[in-house]
Amino acid sequence: MANTASARKRIRQNERRNARNTARMSRVRTFVKKVEMAIESGKKDDAAVALRAAQPELQRAVGKGVMHANTVARRISRLSARIKSLAAA
């Protein structure tokens, strides 16, 4: 257990930040899942709309330091490629 006041404060801060970051990641996963479900259903328009909704959420995760910028760029790129391939198929 923490012995100093600063260490106790650090524990409280970490708990709050952990809760906040967990909620952010959960929100991101939900938005990405909506895009993937739209892709699986084969509806290109719905998938594109879902991706447009997910992009700001992903970028917000980068801005808040929850996800790495390259990870988000890679995910967006792969999702858009999958949506684009729906037209060809």
N, C-alpha and C. Protein backbone atom coordinates (compact mmCIF):
# COMPACT_ATOMS: atom_id res chain seq x y z
N MET A 1 0.85 -1.19 0.00
CA MET A 1 0.00 0.00 0.00
C MET A 1 0.88 1.25 0.00
N ALA A 2 0.37 2.30 -0.57
CA ALA A 2 1.13 3.55 -0.66
C ALA A 2 1.31 4.18 0.72
N ASN A 3 2.51 4.70 0.96
CA ASN A 3 2.81 5.28 2.26
C ASN A 3 2.73 6.81 2.27
N THR A 4 2.99 7.43 1.13
CA THR A 4 3.00 8.89 1.10
C THR A 4 1.72 9.43 0.49
N ALA A 5 1.45 10.67 0.80
CA ALA A 5 0.23 11.31 0.26
C ALA A 5 0.29 11.39 -1.25
N SER A 6 1.47 11.67 -1.80
CA SER A 6 1.60 11.78 -3.26
C SER A 6 1.37 10.43 -3.93
N ALA A 7 1.81 9.36 -3.28
CA ALA A 7 1.59 8.03 -3.85
C ALA A 7 0.12 7.66 -3.80
N ARG A 8 -0.57 8.02 -2.71
CA ARG A 8 -2.01 7.76 -2.62
C ARG A 8 -2.77 8.54 -3.68
N LYS A 9 -2.35 9.78 -3.90
CA LYS A 9 -2.98 10.61 -4.93
C LYS A 9 -2.74 9.99 -6.32
N ARG A 10 -1.53 9.51 -6.55
CA ARG A 10 -1.20 8.90 -7.84
C ARG A 10 -2.09 7.67 -8.09
N ILE A 11 -2.36 6.89 -7.05
CA ILE A 11 -3.23 5.73 -7.19
C ILE A 11 -4.64 6.16 -7.57
N ARG A 12 -5.14 7.22 -6.91
CA ARG A 12 -6.48 7.72 -7.24
C ARG A 12 -6.54 8.21 -8.68
N GLN A 13 -5.51 8.93 -9.10
CA GLN A 13 -5.48 9.45 -10.48
C GLN A 13 -5.45 8.30 -11.48
N ASN A 14 -4.62 7.29 -11.20
CA ASN A 14 -4.52 6.14 -12.11
C ASN A 14 -5.84 5.42 -12.25
N GLU A 15 -6.57 5.27 -11.14
CA GLU A 15 -7.87 4.60 -11.21
C GLU A 15 -8.85 5.37 -12.07
N ARG A 16 -8.87 6.69 -11.91
CA ARG A 16 -9.78 7.52 -12.72
C ARG A 16 -9.40 7.46 -14.20
N ARG A 17 -8.12 7.56 -14.48
CA ARG A 17 -7.67 7.53 -15.87
C ARG A 17 -7.92 6.18 -16.51
N ASN A 18 -7.71 5.12 -15.73
CA ASN A 18 -7.95 3.78 -16.24
C ASN A 18 -9.42 3.61 -16.61
N ALA A 19 -10.32 4.09 -15.77
CA ALA A 19 -11.75 3.99 -16.05
C ALA A 19 -12.10 4.77 -17.31
N ARG A 20 -11.54 5.96 -17.43
CA ARG A 20 -11.82 6.81 -18.59
C ARG A 20 -11.30 6.16 -19.87
N ASN A 21 -10.07 5.66 -19.83
CA ASN A 21 -9.47 5.06 -21.02
C ASN A 21 -10.17 3.76 -21.41
N THR A 22 -10.61 3.00 -20.42
CA THR A 22 -11.35 1.77 -20.71
C THR A 22 -12.65 2.10 -21.43
N ALA A 23 -13.33 3.13 -20.97
CA ALA A 23 -14.58 3.54 -21.62
C ALA A 23 -14.31 4.01 -23.05
N ARG A 24 -13.23 4.74 -23.25
CA ARG A 24 -12.89 5.21 -24.60
C ARG A 24 -12.61 4.04 -25.53
N MET A 25 -11.84 3.07 -25.06
CA MET A 25 -11.51 1.92 -25.90
C MET A 25 -12.77 1.12 -26.22
N SER A 26 -13.65 0.98 -25.26
CA SER A 26 -14.89 0.26 -25.47
C SER A 26 -15.72 0.95 -26.55
N ARG A 27 -15.78 2.27 -26.46
CA ARG A 27 -16.53 3.06 -27.44
C ARG A 27 -15.95 2.89 -28.85
N VAL A 28 -14.63 2.91 -28.95
CA VAL A 28 -13.96 2.72 -30.24
C VAL A 28 -14.30 1.34 -30.80
N ARG A 29 -14.21 0.32 -29.95
CA ARG A 29 -14.49 -1.05 -30.41
C ARG A 29 -15.93 -1.17 -30.91
N THR A 30 -16.86 -0.50 -30.23
CA THR A 30 -18.26 -0.55 -30.64
C THR A 30 -18.43 0.05 -32.04
N PHE A 31 -17.81 1.20 -32.27
CA PHE A 31 -17.93 1.84 -33.57
C PHE A 31 -17.30 0.98 -34.67
N VAL A 32 -16.15 0.40 -34.40
CA VAL A 32 -15.47 -0.45 -35.39
C VAL A 32 -16.31 -1.69 -35.67
N LYS A 33 -16.93 -2.24 -34.62
CA LYS A 33 -17.76 -3.42 -34.79
C LYS A 33 -18.96 -3.11 -35.69
N LYS A 34 -19.51 -1.90 -35.56
CA LYS A 34 -20.64 -1.52 -36.42
C LYS A 34 -20.21 -1.48 -37.88
N VAL A 35 -19.00 -0.98 -38.12
CA VAL A 35 -18.48 -0.95 -39.50
C VAL A 35 -18.32 -2.37 -40.02
N GLU A 36 -17.72 -3.24 -39.21
CA GLU A 36 -17.47 -4.61 -39.65
C GLU A 36 -18.76 -5.37 -39.91
N MET A 37 -19.78 -5.12 -39.09
CA MET A 37 -21.06 -5.78 -39.31
C MET A 37 -21.70 -5.29 -40.61
N ALA A 38 -21.57 -4.01 -40.90
CA ALA A 38 -22.12 -3.47 -42.15
C ALA A 38 -21.39 -4.06 -43.35
N ILE A 39 -20.08 -4.24 -43.21
CA ILE A 39 -19.29 -4.84 -44.30
C ILE A 39 -19.75 -6.28 -44.54
N GLU A 40 -19.93 -7.03 -43.44
CA GLU A 40 -20.34 -8.44 -43.57
C GLU A 40 -21.73 -8.57 -44.18
N SER A 41 -22.60 -7.58 -43.93
CA SER A 41 -23.94 -7.64 -44.51
C SER A 41 -23.91 -7.32 -46.00
N GLY A 42 -22.79 -6.73 -46.46
CA GLY A 42 -22.64 -6.45 -47.88
C GLY A 42 -23.24 -5.14 -48.34
N LYS A 43 -23.68 -4.32 -47.40
CA LYS A 43 -24.28 -3.04 -47.75
C LYS A 43 -23.19 -1.96 -47.74
N LYS A 44 -22.77 -1.58 -48.92
CA LYS A 44 -21.65 -0.65 -49.04
C LYS A 44 -21.99 0.72 -48.46
N ASP A 45 -23.20 1.21 -48.74
CA ASP A 45 -23.58 2.54 -48.26
C ASP A 45 -23.62 2.59 -46.73
N ASP A 46 -24.21 1.56 -46.13
CA ASP A 46 -24.27 1.51 -44.67
C ASP A 46 -22.87 1.43 -44.06
N ALA A 47 -22.01 0.66 -44.71
CA ALA A 47 -20.64 0.50 -44.21
C ALA A 47 -19.88 1.82 -44.30
N ALA A 48 -20.09 2.56 -45.39
CA ALA A 48 -19.41 3.85 -45.56
C ALA A 48 -19.89 4.85 -44.51
N VAL A 49 -21.19 4.85 -44.24
CA VAL A 49 -21.72 5.75 -43.21
C VAL A 49 -21.16 5.38 -41.84
N ALA A 50 -21.11 4.08 -41.55
CA ALA A 50 -20.57 3.63 -40.26
C ALA A 50 -19.09 4.00 -40.13
N LEU A 51 -18.34 3.90 -41.21
CA LEU A 51 -16.92 4.26 -41.16
C LEU A 51 -16.75 5.76 -40.92
N ARG A 52 -17.60 6.56 -41.56
CA ARG A 52 -17.52 8.02 -41.34
C ARG A 52 -17.83 8.37 -39.88
N ALA A 53 -18.69 7.58 -39.25
CA ALA A 53 -19.00 7.80 -37.83
C ALA A 53 -17.85 7.31 -36.94
N ALA A 54 -17.17 6.26 -37.37
CA ALA A 54 -16.11 5.66 -36.55
C ALA A 54 -14.81 6.45 -36.61
N GLN A 55 -14.54 7.09 -37.74
CA GLN A 55 -13.26 7.79 -37.91
C GLN A 55 -13.00 8.85 -36.83
N PRO A 56 -13.95 9.75 -36.54
CA PRO A 56 -13.67 10.74 -35.49
C PRO A 56 -13.43 10.10 -34.13
N GLU A 57 -14.13 9.00 -33.87
CA GLU A 57 -13.96 8.31 -32.59
C GLU A 57 -12.55 7.71 -32.48
N LEU A 58 -12.07 7.15 -33.58
CA LEU A 58 -10.72 6.61 -33.61
C LEU A 58 -9.69 7.72 -33.45
N GLN A 59 -9.89 8.83 -34.16
CA GLN A 59 -8.96 9.95 -34.06
C GLN A 59 -8.96 10.55 -32.66
N ARG A 60 -10.12 10.57 -32.01
CA ARG A 60 -10.22 11.08 -30.65
C ARG A 60 -9.40 10.21 -29.70
N ALA A 61 -9.40 8.90 -29.94
CA ALA A 61 -8.61 7.99 -29.11
C ALA A 61 -7.12 8.31 -29.25
N VAL A 62 -6.71 8.69 -30.46
CA VAL A 62 -5.31 9.08 -30.67
C VAL A 62 -5.02 10.37 -29.92
N GLY A 63 -5.90 11.33 -30.03
CA GLY A 63 -5.69 12.61 -29.38
C GLY A 63 -5.63 12.51 -27.87
N LYS A 64 -6.38 11.55 -27.31
CA LYS A 64 -6.40 11.37 -25.87
C LYS A 64 -5.28 10.44 -25.40
N GLY A 65 -4.51 9.89 -26.34
CA GLY A 65 -3.38 9.05 -25.97
C GLY A 65 -3.75 7.62 -25.64
N VAL A 66 -4.95 7.19 -26.04
CA VAL A 66 -5.38 5.83 -25.73
C VAL A 66 -4.88 4.86 -26.78
N MET A 67 -4.79 5.31 -28.02
CA MET A 67 -4.31 4.47 -29.12
C MET A 67 -3.18 5.18 -29.83
N HIS A 68 -2.35 4.39 -30.50
CA HIS A 68 -1.24 4.95 -31.27
C HIS A 68 -1.76 5.42 -32.63
N ALA A 69 -1.18 6.48 -33.12
CA ALA A 69 -1.63 7.08 -34.39
C ALA A 69 -1.53 6.11 -35.55
N ASN A 70 -0.44 5.36 -35.63
CA ASN A 70 -0.27 4.43 -36.75
C ASN A 70 -1.26 3.27 -36.67
N THR A 71 -1.62 2.87 -35.49
CA THR A 71 -2.61 1.80 -35.32
C THR A 71 -3.95 2.23 -35.88
N VAL A 72 -4.33 3.46 -35.56
CA VAL A 72 -5.61 3.98 -36.05
C VAL A 72 -5.57 4.16 -37.56
N ALA A 73 -4.46 4.67 -38.08
CA ALA A 73 -4.33 4.85 -39.53
C ALA A 73 -4.45 3.51 -40.24
N ARG A 74 -3.82 2.49 -39.68
CA ARG A 74 -3.86 1.15 -40.28
C ARG A 74 -5.29 0.59 -40.25
N ARG A 75 -5.98 0.76 -39.13
CA ARG A 75 -7.35 0.25 -39.03
C ARG A 75 -8.28 0.93 -40.01
N ILE A 76 -8.19 2.26 -40.09
CA ILE A 76 -9.04 3.01 -41.02
C ILE A 76 -8.75 2.59 -42.45
N SER A 77 -7.47 2.44 -42.76
CA SER A 77 -7.07 2.05 -44.11
C SER A 77 -7.63 0.68 -44.47
N ARG A 78 -7.52 -0.27 -43.55
CA ARG A 78 -8.00 -1.62 -43.84
C ARG A 78 -9.52 -1.67 -43.95
N LEU A 79 -10.20 -0.92 -43.09
CA LEU A 79 -11.66 -0.89 -43.17
C LEU A 79 -12.12 -0.27 -44.49
N SER A 80 -11.44 0.85 -44.90
CA SER A 80 -11.85 1.48 -46.16
C SER A 80 -11.57 0.59 -47.35
N ALA A 81 -10.48 -0.17 -47.29
CA ALA A 81 -10.16 -1.10 -48.38
C ALA A 81 -11.23 -2.18 -48.47
N ARG A 82 -11.68 -2.66 -47.33
CA ARG A 82 -12.73 -3.69 -47.33
C ARG A 82 -14.03 -3.15 -47.88
N ILE A 83 -14.34 -1.88 -47.53
CA ILE A 83 -15.57 -1.26 -48.05
C ILE A 83 -15.45 -1.05 -49.56
N LYS A 84 -14.29 -0.62 -49.97
CA LYS A 84 -14.06 -0.38 -51.40
C LYS A 84 -14.20 -1.67 -52.20
N SER A 85 -13.77 -2.78 -51.63
CA SER A 85 -13.85 -4.05 -52.35
C SER A 85 -15.29 -4.55 -52.48
N LEU A 86 -16.19 -4.00 -51.67
CA LEU A 86 -17.59 -4.40 -51.79
C LEU A 86 -18.17 -4.03 -53.15
N ALA A 87 -17.72 -2.91 -53.72
CA ALA A 87 -18.23 -2.46 -55.01
C ALA A 87 -17.77 -3.39 -56.12
N ALA A 88 -16.51 -3.85 -56.03
CA ALA A 88 -15.94 -4.71 -57.06
C ALA A 88 -16.60 -6.09 -57.04
N ALA A 89 -16.95 -6.54 -55.85
CA ALA A 89 -17.51 -7.89 -55.74
C ALA A 89 -18.96 -7.95 -56.17
